[in-house]
N, C-alpha and C. Protein backbone atom coordinates (compact mmCIF):
# COMPACT_ATOMS: atom_id res chain seq x y z
N MET A 1 13.41 -7.59 -12.96
CA MET A 1 12.79 -7.97 -11.71
C MET A 1 11.57 -7.08 -11.42
N LEU A 2 11.70 -5.76 -11.55
CA LEU A 2 10.56 -4.87 -11.29
C LEU A 2 9.80 -4.51 -12.57
N SER A 3 10.32 -4.89 -13.72
CA SER A 3 9.63 -4.66 -14.99
C SER A 3 9.45 -6.01 -15.67
N PRO A 4 8.49 -6.81 -15.19
CA PRO A 4 8.39 -8.19 -15.64
C PRO A 4 7.75 -8.41 -17.00
N VAL A 5 7.14 -7.38 -17.60
CA VAL A 5 6.43 -7.60 -18.85
C VAL A 5 6.80 -6.53 -19.87
N SER A 6 7.19 -7.01 -21.05
CA SER A 6 7.41 -6.11 -22.19
C SER A 6 6.42 -6.52 -23.28
N LEU A 7 5.77 -5.52 -23.86
CA LEU A 7 4.76 -5.78 -24.89
C LEU A 7 5.14 -5.05 -26.18
N GLU A 8 4.91 -5.72 -27.29
CA GLU A 8 5.01 -5.04 -28.58
C GLU A 8 3.59 -4.73 -29.01
N VAL A 9 3.32 -3.47 -29.27
CA VAL A 9 1.96 -3.01 -29.54
C VAL A 9 1.93 -2.33 -30.90
N ASP A 10 0.81 -2.44 -31.58
CA ASP A 10 0.62 -1.77 -32.87
C ASP A 10 0.29 -0.30 -32.60
N ALA A 11 1.12 0.61 -33.06
CA ALA A 11 0.91 2.04 -32.83
C ALA A 11 -0.42 2.52 -33.39
N ASP A 12 -0.94 1.85 -34.41
CA ASP A 12 -2.23 2.25 -35.00
C ASP A 12 -3.42 1.85 -34.14
N ALA A 13 -3.18 1.06 -33.09
CA ALA A 13 -4.28 0.63 -32.21
C ALA A 13 -4.71 1.74 -31.25
N TYR A 14 -3.90 2.79 -31.14
CA TYR A 14 -4.24 3.90 -30.25
C TYR A 14 -5.19 4.87 -30.92
N THR A 15 -6.07 5.47 -30.15
CA THR A 15 -6.94 6.52 -30.67
C THR A 15 -6.11 7.80 -30.77
N PRO A 16 -6.05 8.41 -31.94
CA PRO A 16 -5.23 9.62 -32.10
C PRO A 16 -5.59 10.70 -31.07
N ASN A 17 -4.56 11.32 -30.51
CA ASN A 17 -4.68 12.43 -29.57
C ASN A 17 -5.46 12.09 -28.30
N SER A 18 -5.51 10.82 -27.91
CA SER A 18 -6.22 10.44 -26.69
C SER A 18 -5.30 10.46 -25.48
N GLY A 19 -4.00 10.54 -25.71
CA GLY A 19 -3.05 10.59 -24.61
C GLY A 19 -2.53 11.99 -24.41
N THR A 20 -1.57 12.12 -23.54
CA THR A 20 -1.02 13.44 -23.29
C THR A 20 0.37 13.56 -23.89
N ASP A 21 1.39 13.22 -23.14
CA ASP A 21 2.74 13.52 -23.58
C ASP A 21 3.53 12.35 -24.17
N LEU A 22 3.04 11.14 -24.09
CA LEU A 22 3.82 9.99 -24.57
C LEU A 22 3.15 9.23 -25.70
N GLN A 23 2.28 9.87 -26.43
CA GLN A 23 1.56 9.17 -27.49
C GLN A 23 2.31 9.27 -28.81
N HIS A 24 3.51 8.70 -28.81
CA HIS A 24 4.33 8.61 -30.00
C HIS A 24 5.33 7.47 -29.81
N GLU A 25 5.92 7.02 -30.91
CA GLU A 25 6.91 5.95 -30.79
C GLU A 25 8.13 6.45 -30.03
N PRO A 26 8.77 5.64 -29.26
CA PRO A 26 8.61 4.20 -29.07
C PRO A 26 7.57 3.83 -28.02
N PHE A 27 6.96 4.82 -27.37
CA PHE A 27 6.00 4.55 -26.28
C PHE A 27 4.73 3.87 -26.76
N THR A 28 4.41 4.01 -28.03
CA THR A 28 3.20 3.38 -28.56
C THR A 28 3.48 2.05 -29.25
N THR A 29 4.74 1.62 -29.27
CA THR A 29 5.06 0.34 -29.91
C THR A 29 5.76 -0.63 -28.97
N ASP A 30 6.62 -0.15 -28.11
CA ASP A 30 7.36 -1.00 -27.17
C ASP A 30 6.99 -0.56 -25.76
N VAL A 31 6.12 -1.34 -25.12
CA VAL A 31 5.60 -1.00 -23.80
C VAL A 31 6.26 -1.89 -22.75
N VAL A 32 6.84 -1.27 -21.73
CA VAL A 32 7.45 -2.01 -20.63
C VAL A 32 6.64 -1.69 -19.38
N LEU A 33 6.03 -2.72 -18.81
CA LEU A 33 5.21 -2.55 -17.60
C LEU A 33 6.08 -2.76 -16.37
N THR A 34 5.93 -1.87 -15.41
CA THR A 34 6.71 -1.90 -14.19
C THR A 34 5.78 -1.88 -12.99
N ASP A 35 6.19 -2.47 -11.90
CA ASP A 35 5.44 -2.42 -10.65
C ASP A 35 5.12 -0.96 -10.33
N GLY A 36 3.86 -0.65 -10.07
CA GLY A 36 3.44 0.72 -9.80
C GLY A 36 4.10 1.32 -8.57
N GLY A 37 4.55 0.49 -7.66
CA GLY A 37 5.22 0.97 -6.46
C GLY A 37 6.55 1.63 -6.74
N VAL A 38 7.12 1.39 -7.90
CA VAL A 38 8.38 2.04 -8.24
C VAL A 38 8.16 3.55 -8.32
N TYR A 39 7.02 3.96 -8.86
CA TYR A 39 6.72 5.39 -9.00
C TYR A 39 6.00 5.95 -7.79
N ASP A 40 5.03 5.21 -7.26
CA ASP A 40 4.17 5.74 -6.20
C ASP A 40 3.72 4.59 -5.32
N ASN A 41 4.51 4.28 -4.28
CA ASN A 41 4.26 3.10 -3.49
C ASN A 41 2.93 3.12 -2.75
N LEU A 42 2.42 4.27 -2.41
CA LEU A 42 1.12 4.34 -1.74
C LEU A 42 -0.03 4.53 -2.73
N GLY A 43 0.27 4.70 -3.99
CA GLY A 43 -0.77 4.86 -5.00
C GLY A 43 -1.58 6.13 -4.86
N LEU A 44 -0.95 7.20 -4.38
CA LEU A 44 -1.67 8.44 -4.11
C LEU A 44 -1.79 9.38 -5.31
N GLU A 45 -0.81 9.41 -6.17
CA GLU A 45 -0.68 10.48 -7.16
C GLU A 45 -1.95 10.71 -7.99
N THR A 46 -2.46 9.68 -8.63
CA THR A 46 -3.63 9.84 -9.50
C THR A 46 -4.86 10.26 -8.70
N ALA A 47 -5.10 9.60 -7.57
CA ALA A 47 -6.27 9.94 -6.75
C ALA A 47 -6.15 11.36 -6.21
N TRP A 48 -4.95 11.76 -5.81
CA TRP A 48 -4.74 13.09 -5.22
C TRP A 48 -5.14 14.20 -6.19
N LYS A 49 -4.88 13.99 -7.45
CA LYS A 49 -5.18 15.00 -8.47
C LYS A 49 -6.68 15.10 -8.77
N ARG A 50 -7.45 14.06 -8.43
CA ARG A 50 -8.84 14.01 -8.87
C ARG A 50 -9.89 14.00 -7.77
N TYR A 51 -9.51 13.60 -6.54
CA TYR A 51 -10.52 13.36 -5.52
C TYR A 51 -10.19 14.05 -4.21
N GLN A 52 -11.24 14.33 -3.44
CA GLN A 52 -11.08 14.92 -2.12
C GLN A 52 -11.09 13.87 -1.01
N THR A 53 -11.69 12.73 -1.28
CA THR A 53 -11.69 11.64 -0.31
C THR A 53 -10.64 10.63 -0.74
N ILE A 54 -9.67 10.42 0.13
CA ILE A 54 -8.53 9.54 -0.18
C ILE A 54 -8.45 8.45 0.89
N LEU A 55 -8.54 7.21 0.45
CA LEU A 55 -8.41 6.05 1.33
C LEU A 55 -7.10 5.35 0.99
N VAL A 56 -6.26 5.12 2.00
CA VAL A 56 -4.95 4.52 1.76
C VAL A 56 -4.76 3.29 2.64
N SER A 57 -4.48 2.18 2.00
CA SER A 57 -4.13 0.93 2.67
C SER A 57 -2.66 0.69 2.40
N ASP A 58 -1.84 0.73 3.44
CA ASP A 58 -0.39 0.64 3.30
C ASP A 58 0.12 -0.68 3.87
N ALA A 59 0.53 -1.56 2.98
CA ALA A 59 1.11 -2.84 3.41
C ALA A 59 2.61 -2.85 3.17
N GLY A 60 3.19 -1.66 3.09
CA GLY A 60 4.62 -1.55 2.81
C GLY A 60 5.49 -2.08 3.92
N GLY A 61 6.66 -2.51 3.53
CA GLY A 61 7.62 -3.07 4.48
C GLY A 61 8.26 -2.00 5.34
N LYS A 62 8.96 -2.47 6.35
CA LYS A 62 9.65 -1.59 7.28
C LYS A 62 11.15 -1.72 7.02
N THR A 63 11.82 -0.59 6.94
CA THR A 63 13.26 -0.61 6.77
C THR A 63 13.91 -0.71 8.15
N ALA A 64 14.55 -1.83 8.38
CA ALA A 64 15.16 -2.09 9.68
C ALA A 64 16.57 -1.53 9.74
N ALA A 65 17.02 -1.28 10.95
CA ALA A 65 18.40 -0.84 11.15
C ALA A 65 19.33 -1.99 10.78
N GLU A 66 20.49 -1.66 10.25
CA GLU A 66 21.49 -2.66 9.89
C GLU A 66 22.70 -2.51 10.79
N ALA A 67 22.92 -3.46 11.66
CA ALA A 67 24.05 -3.40 12.58
C ALA A 67 25.39 -3.50 11.84
N GLU A 68 25.38 -4.26 10.76
CA GLU A 68 26.61 -4.43 9.97
C GLU A 68 26.30 -4.13 8.51
N PRO A 69 26.33 -2.85 8.12
CA PRO A 69 26.01 -2.49 6.74
C PRO A 69 26.97 -3.15 5.74
N LYS A 70 26.43 -3.49 4.60
CA LYS A 70 27.24 -4.09 3.53
C LYS A 70 28.06 -3.00 2.86
N HIS A 71 29.25 -3.37 2.40
CA HIS A 71 30.14 -2.39 1.79
C HIS A 71 30.32 -2.59 0.29
N ASP A 72 29.89 -3.74 -0.23
CA ASP A 72 30.01 -3.92 -1.68
C ASP A 72 28.96 -3.05 -2.37
N TRP A 73 29.26 -2.60 -3.56
CA TRP A 73 28.41 -1.59 -4.23
C TRP A 73 27.00 -2.10 -4.48
N ALA A 74 26.82 -3.37 -4.84
CA ALA A 74 25.49 -3.87 -5.17
C ALA A 74 24.56 -3.86 -3.95
N ARG A 75 24.99 -4.47 -2.86
CA ARG A 75 24.13 -4.53 -1.67
C ARG A 75 24.01 -3.17 -0.99
N HIS A 76 25.06 -2.37 -1.06
CA HIS A 76 24.97 -1.02 -0.49
C HIS A 76 24.00 -0.17 -1.31
N SER A 77 24.04 -0.29 -2.63
CA SER A 77 23.10 0.44 -3.50
C SER A 77 21.66 0.01 -3.22
N TYR A 78 21.47 -1.28 -3.03
CA TYR A 78 20.13 -1.79 -2.72
C TYR A 78 19.62 -1.19 -1.41
N ARG A 79 20.49 -1.10 -0.42
CA ARG A 79 20.13 -0.51 0.87
C ARG A 79 19.78 0.97 0.71
N VAL A 80 20.57 1.69 -0.07
CA VAL A 80 20.31 3.11 -0.31
C VAL A 80 18.96 3.29 -0.99
N LEU A 81 18.65 2.48 -1.98
CA LEU A 81 17.35 2.57 -2.66
C LEU A 81 16.21 2.29 -1.69
N ASN A 82 16.37 1.32 -0.81
CA ASN A 82 15.34 1.04 0.19
C ASN A 82 15.15 2.21 1.14
N LEU A 83 16.24 2.86 1.54
CA LEU A 83 16.14 4.02 2.42
C LEU A 83 15.44 5.19 1.72
N ILE A 84 15.75 5.40 0.46
CA ILE A 84 15.09 6.47 -0.31
C ILE A 84 13.59 6.18 -0.40
N ASP A 85 13.24 4.93 -0.73
CA ASP A 85 11.83 4.55 -0.82
C ASP A 85 11.12 4.77 0.51
N ASN A 86 11.76 4.37 1.59
CA ASN A 86 11.18 4.54 2.92
C ASN A 86 10.96 6.02 3.25
N GLN A 87 11.93 6.85 2.90
CA GLN A 87 11.82 8.28 3.18
C GLN A 87 10.69 8.92 2.38
N VAL A 88 10.58 8.55 1.10
CA VAL A 88 9.50 9.08 0.27
C VAL A 88 8.14 8.64 0.80
N ARG A 89 8.03 7.37 1.16
CA ARG A 89 6.77 6.85 1.69
C ARG A 89 6.40 7.58 2.99
N SER A 90 7.39 7.79 3.87
CA SER A 90 7.13 8.49 5.13
C SER A 90 6.68 9.92 4.88
N LEU A 91 7.31 10.60 3.94
CA LEU A 91 6.93 11.97 3.61
C LEU A 91 5.51 12.02 3.06
N ARG A 92 5.18 11.13 2.13
CA ARG A 92 3.84 11.11 1.56
C ARG A 92 2.79 10.80 2.63
N LYS A 93 3.12 9.90 3.54
CA LYS A 93 2.19 9.57 4.62
C LYS A 93 1.95 10.79 5.50
N ARG A 94 3.02 11.50 5.86
CA ARG A 94 2.87 12.72 6.69
C ARG A 94 2.02 13.76 5.97
N GLN A 95 2.26 13.95 4.68
CA GLN A 95 1.47 14.92 3.91
C GLN A 95 -0.01 14.52 3.90
N LEU A 96 -0.26 13.23 3.73
CA LEU A 96 -1.63 12.74 3.71
C LEU A 96 -2.32 12.99 5.05
N ILE A 97 -1.69 12.56 6.13
CA ILE A 97 -2.28 12.72 7.46
C ILE A 97 -2.48 14.21 7.78
N ASP A 98 -1.50 15.04 7.43
CA ASP A 98 -1.65 16.49 7.65
C ASP A 98 -2.82 17.05 6.86
N SER A 99 -3.05 16.56 5.65
CA SER A 99 -4.18 17.06 4.84
C SER A 99 -5.50 16.68 5.49
N TYR A 100 -5.57 15.51 6.14
CA TYR A 100 -6.77 15.13 6.87
C TYR A 100 -6.98 16.07 8.05
N LYS A 101 -5.91 16.34 8.80
CA LYS A 101 -6.01 17.18 9.98
C LYS A 101 -6.41 18.61 9.64
N ARG A 102 -5.88 19.14 8.53
CA ARG A 102 -6.22 20.51 8.10
C ARG A 102 -7.62 20.59 7.50
N GLY A 103 -8.17 19.46 7.10
CA GLY A 103 -9.48 19.46 6.46
C GLY A 103 -9.41 19.64 4.95
N ASP A 104 -8.22 19.60 4.37
CA ASP A 104 -8.07 19.71 2.91
C ASP A 104 -8.63 18.48 2.21
N ARG A 105 -8.52 17.34 2.87
CA ARG A 105 -8.97 16.07 2.32
C ARG A 105 -9.73 15.31 3.40
N LYS A 106 -10.61 14.42 2.94
CA LYS A 106 -11.29 13.49 3.84
C LYS A 106 -10.75 12.10 3.53
N GLY A 107 -10.90 11.21 4.47
CA GLY A 107 -10.49 9.85 4.21
C GLY A 107 -9.85 9.20 5.41
N ALA A 108 -9.09 8.14 5.13
CA ALA A 108 -8.44 7.40 6.19
C ALA A 108 -7.19 6.71 5.65
N TYR A 109 -6.25 6.54 6.55
CA TYR A 109 -5.03 5.79 6.29
C TYR A 109 -4.99 4.65 7.29
N TRP A 110 -4.65 3.45 6.81
CA TRP A 110 -4.39 2.35 7.72
C TRP A 110 -3.20 1.57 7.16
N GLY A 111 -2.39 1.08 8.06
CA GLY A 111 -1.20 0.37 7.66
C GLY A 111 -1.14 -1.01 8.28
N ILE A 112 -0.34 -1.85 7.68
CA ILE A 112 -0.21 -3.23 8.14
C ILE A 112 0.39 -3.30 9.54
N ARG A 113 1.10 -2.24 9.97
CA ARG A 113 1.71 -2.21 11.30
C ARG A 113 0.88 -1.40 12.30
N THR A 114 -0.32 -1.05 11.95
CA THR A 114 -1.21 -0.28 12.83
C THR A 114 -1.63 -1.14 14.03
N ASP A 115 -1.70 -0.52 15.18
CA ASP A 115 -2.31 -1.17 16.35
C ASP A 115 -3.79 -0.80 16.31
N ILE A 116 -4.66 -1.77 16.13
CA ILE A 116 -6.09 -1.50 15.98
C ILE A 116 -6.66 -0.78 17.20
N LEU A 117 -6.03 -0.94 18.36
CA LEU A 117 -6.50 -0.25 19.57
C LEU A 117 -6.34 1.26 19.46
N ASP A 118 -5.45 1.74 18.59
CA ASP A 118 -5.28 3.18 18.39
C ASP A 118 -6.55 3.86 17.89
N TYR A 119 -7.42 3.09 17.25
CA TYR A 119 -8.68 3.67 16.75
C TYR A 119 -9.70 3.87 17.85
N GLN A 120 -9.48 3.29 19.01
CA GLN A 120 -10.34 3.46 20.18
C GLN A 120 -11.81 3.14 19.88
N LEU A 121 -12.01 2.04 19.15
CA LEU A 121 -13.36 1.56 18.85
C LEU A 121 -13.61 0.28 19.65
N PRO A 122 -14.47 0.34 20.64
CA PRO A 122 -14.72 -0.87 21.43
C PRO A 122 -15.32 -2.00 20.59
N SER A 123 -15.89 -1.67 19.44
CA SER A 123 -16.53 -2.69 18.61
C SER A 123 -15.63 -3.19 17.48
N SER A 124 -14.33 -2.87 17.52
CA SER A 124 -13.46 -3.38 16.46
C SER A 124 -13.26 -4.88 16.64
N LEU A 125 -12.94 -5.55 15.56
CA LEU A 125 -12.70 -6.98 15.62
C LEU A 125 -11.43 -7.25 16.43
N PRO A 126 -11.35 -8.38 17.13
CA PRO A 126 -10.18 -8.67 17.97
C PRO A 126 -8.93 -8.95 17.13
N CYS A 127 -7.94 -8.06 17.29
CA CYS A 127 -6.70 -8.17 16.53
C CYS A 127 -5.52 -7.86 17.45
N PRO A 128 -5.07 -8.86 18.22
CA PRO A 128 -3.94 -8.62 19.12
C PRO A 128 -2.73 -8.10 18.34
N PHE A 129 -2.13 -7.04 18.85
CA PHE A 129 -1.03 -6.37 18.16
C PHE A 129 0.13 -7.32 17.86
N ALA A 130 0.46 -8.21 18.77
CA ALA A 130 1.56 -9.14 18.53
C ALA A 130 1.28 -10.02 17.31
N GLN A 131 0.03 -10.43 17.15
CA GLN A 131 -0.33 -11.28 16.00
C GLN A 131 -0.34 -10.49 14.69
N THR A 132 -0.80 -9.24 14.74
CA THR A 132 -0.82 -8.46 13.51
C THR A 132 0.59 -8.05 13.10
N LEU A 133 1.47 -7.81 14.08
CA LEU A 133 2.87 -7.52 13.73
C LEU A 133 3.54 -8.73 13.10
N GLU A 134 3.17 -9.90 13.54
CA GLU A 134 3.69 -11.13 12.93
C GLU A 134 3.26 -11.19 11.46
N LEU A 135 2.03 -10.83 11.18
CA LEU A 135 1.55 -10.80 9.79
C LEU A 135 2.29 -9.73 8.98
N ALA A 136 2.59 -8.60 9.62
CA ALA A 136 3.29 -7.51 8.93
C ALA A 136 4.70 -7.91 8.51
N GLU A 137 5.27 -8.88 9.19
CA GLU A 137 6.64 -9.31 8.88
C GLU A 137 6.72 -10.31 7.73
N ILE A 138 5.59 -10.73 7.21
CA ILE A 138 5.62 -11.65 6.06
C ILE A 138 6.18 -10.89 4.87
N PRO A 139 7.25 -11.37 4.27
CA PRO A 139 7.87 -10.63 3.17
C PRO A 139 7.01 -10.62 1.92
N THR A 140 7.11 -9.54 1.17
CA THR A 140 6.45 -9.44 -0.12
C THR A 140 7.25 -10.30 -1.10
N ARG A 141 6.55 -11.12 -1.84
CA ARG A 141 7.22 -11.99 -2.81
C ARG A 141 6.19 -12.50 -3.81
N LEU A 142 6.67 -13.11 -4.84
CA LEU A 142 5.77 -13.65 -5.86
C LEU A 142 5.33 -15.08 -5.54
N LYS A 143 5.95 -15.70 -4.55
CA LYS A 143 5.60 -17.07 -4.17
C LYS A 143 4.23 -17.11 -3.50
N ARG A 144 3.46 -18.14 -3.81
CA ARG A 144 2.13 -18.31 -3.24
C ARG A 144 2.19 -18.53 -1.73
N LEU A 145 1.26 -17.91 -1.02
CA LEU A 145 1.11 -18.15 0.42
C LEU A 145 0.13 -19.29 0.63
N ASP A 146 0.30 -20.01 1.74
CA ASP A 146 -0.68 -21.06 2.02
C ASP A 146 -2.02 -20.43 2.37
N ARG A 147 -3.07 -21.21 2.23
CA ARG A 147 -4.44 -20.72 2.40
C ARG A 147 -4.68 -20.08 3.76
N VAL A 148 -4.21 -20.69 4.83
CA VAL A 148 -4.44 -20.17 6.18
C VAL A 148 -3.78 -18.79 6.34
N MET A 149 -2.55 -18.64 5.85
CA MET A 149 -1.86 -17.35 5.96
C MET A 149 -2.59 -16.29 5.13
N GLN A 150 -3.04 -16.65 3.93
CA GLN A 150 -3.81 -15.71 3.11
C GLN A 150 -5.05 -15.24 3.86
N GLU A 151 -5.76 -16.17 4.47
CA GLU A 151 -6.99 -15.82 5.19
C GLU A 151 -6.69 -14.93 6.39
N ARG A 152 -5.61 -15.20 7.11
CA ARG A 152 -5.23 -14.35 8.25
C ARG A 152 -4.93 -12.93 7.77
N LEU A 153 -4.20 -12.80 6.66
CA LEU A 153 -3.88 -11.47 6.11
C LEU A 153 -5.14 -10.75 5.64
N ILE A 154 -6.03 -11.48 4.98
CA ILE A 154 -7.30 -10.88 4.53
C ILE A 154 -8.11 -10.41 5.74
N ASN A 155 -8.19 -11.24 6.77
CA ASN A 155 -8.92 -10.86 7.99
C ASN A 155 -8.33 -9.60 8.61
N TRP A 156 -6.99 -9.52 8.67
CA TRP A 156 -6.34 -8.35 9.26
C TRP A 156 -6.63 -7.10 8.43
N GLY A 157 -6.51 -7.21 7.13
CA GLY A 157 -6.81 -6.06 6.28
C GLY A 157 -8.25 -5.61 6.42
N TYR A 158 -9.16 -6.56 6.49
CA TYR A 158 -10.58 -6.27 6.66
C TYR A 158 -10.84 -5.54 7.97
N ALA A 159 -10.25 -6.04 9.05
CA ALA A 159 -10.48 -5.47 10.38
C ALA A 159 -9.90 -4.06 10.51
N VAL A 160 -8.69 -3.86 10.04
CA VAL A 160 -8.06 -2.53 10.19
C VAL A 160 -8.73 -1.52 9.27
N CYS A 161 -9.15 -1.94 8.08
CA CYS A 161 -9.89 -1.05 7.18
C CYS A 161 -11.21 -0.64 7.82
N ASP A 162 -11.92 -1.61 8.37
CA ASP A 162 -13.19 -1.32 9.05
C ASP A 162 -13.00 -0.29 10.16
N ALA A 163 -11.99 -0.50 11.00
CA ALA A 163 -11.76 0.42 12.12
C ALA A 163 -11.42 1.82 11.63
N ALA A 164 -10.57 1.92 10.63
CA ALA A 164 -10.20 3.24 10.09
C ALA A 164 -11.41 3.93 9.47
N MET A 165 -12.20 3.20 8.72
CA MET A 165 -13.37 3.78 8.07
C MET A 165 -14.40 4.25 9.09
N ARG A 166 -14.67 3.44 10.10
CA ARG A 166 -15.68 3.82 11.11
C ARG A 166 -15.19 4.93 12.02
N GLN A 167 -13.90 5.06 12.20
CA GLN A 167 -13.38 6.12 13.06
C GLN A 167 -13.20 7.44 12.32
N HIS A 168 -12.78 7.38 11.04
CA HIS A 168 -12.40 8.61 10.35
C HIS A 168 -13.27 9.00 9.15
N VAL A 169 -14.08 8.09 8.64
CA VAL A 169 -14.84 8.41 7.43
C VAL A 169 -16.34 8.45 7.69
N ASP A 170 -16.89 7.40 8.31
CA ASP A 170 -18.33 7.33 8.53
C ASP A 170 -18.62 6.63 9.85
N LYS A 171 -18.84 7.41 10.88
CA LYS A 171 -19.06 6.87 12.22
C LYS A 171 -20.40 6.15 12.35
N THR A 172 -21.27 6.24 11.34
CA THR A 172 -22.57 5.57 11.40
C THR A 172 -22.52 4.15 10.84
N LEU A 173 -21.39 3.73 10.28
CA LEU A 173 -21.29 2.37 9.76
C LEU A 173 -21.43 1.36 10.89
N ALA A 174 -22.14 0.29 10.62
CA ALA A 174 -22.32 -0.76 11.62
C ALA A 174 -21.04 -1.59 11.73
N PRO A 175 -20.69 -2.00 12.94
CA PRO A 175 -19.51 -2.85 13.08
C PRO A 175 -19.75 -4.22 12.45
N PRO A 176 -18.69 -4.84 11.96
CA PRO A 176 -18.87 -6.17 11.36
C PRO A 176 -19.18 -7.21 12.43
N ALA A 177 -19.93 -8.21 12.05
CA ALA A 177 -20.29 -9.28 12.99
C ALA A 177 -19.14 -10.27 13.16
N HIS A 178 -18.32 -10.42 12.14
CA HIS A 178 -17.23 -11.40 12.19
C HIS A 178 -16.25 -11.13 11.07
N PHE A 179 -15.14 -11.83 11.11
CA PHE A 179 -14.13 -11.77 10.07
C PHE A 179 -14.66 -12.46 8.81
N PRO A 180 -14.07 -12.15 7.66
CA PRO A 180 -14.47 -12.89 6.44
C PRO A 180 -14.16 -14.38 6.53
N TYR A 181 -13.07 -14.74 7.21
CA TYR A 181 -12.68 -16.15 7.34
C TYR A 181 -12.57 -16.52 8.82
N GLU A 182 -12.84 -17.77 9.10
CA GLU A 182 -12.69 -18.28 10.47
C GLU A 182 -11.23 -18.18 10.89
N GLY A 183 -11.01 -18.04 12.18
CA GLY A 183 -9.64 -18.06 12.70
C GLY A 183 -9.06 -16.69 13.02
N GLY A 184 -9.74 -15.63 12.64
CA GLY A 184 -9.25 -14.29 12.95
C GLY A 184 -7.89 -14.01 12.35
N VAL A 185 -7.04 -13.33 13.13
CA VAL A 185 -5.71 -12.96 12.64
C VAL A 185 -4.62 -13.88 13.18
N GLY A 186 -4.99 -14.84 13.99
CA GLY A 186 -3.96 -15.68 14.58
C GLY A 186 -4.33 -17.10 14.55
């Protein structure tokens, strides 16, 4: 489910000594690709090691309270894994925001559950919080979204990214004249 592609690769296709610690069989012959979120859901690790300006767009889900927790091992294990993922994501987000506040890093964080009014930009695009929360509740899946829903999500991502960038990265950026697609976020 999370490792949808397995590749058989010719080990001789690699440039000798171009990798670090995994440039030997079976890693150079049997490659299993996994969703990057399994290792680093916010995608911070590589950028953190190389750059001082870090921009993070977080469309991660929210772990809701369970009034009636499941007791069978499979569903309980799934719940535990979701809680661990949520805790790691929350910790990484706090570390990121703290690094901005201390001045160790520059950049911005914006999330799918952000209230655009928190940026206090009178020129931000109109994004009523109730409508953006509705968009945030759309589950992640491999099934295609209809065109209108895709456009609403793109508009929301565009608007919240713009607000975060103009508030925290470059206050001289001009506000956008309109959304990329008609219809806004609702």
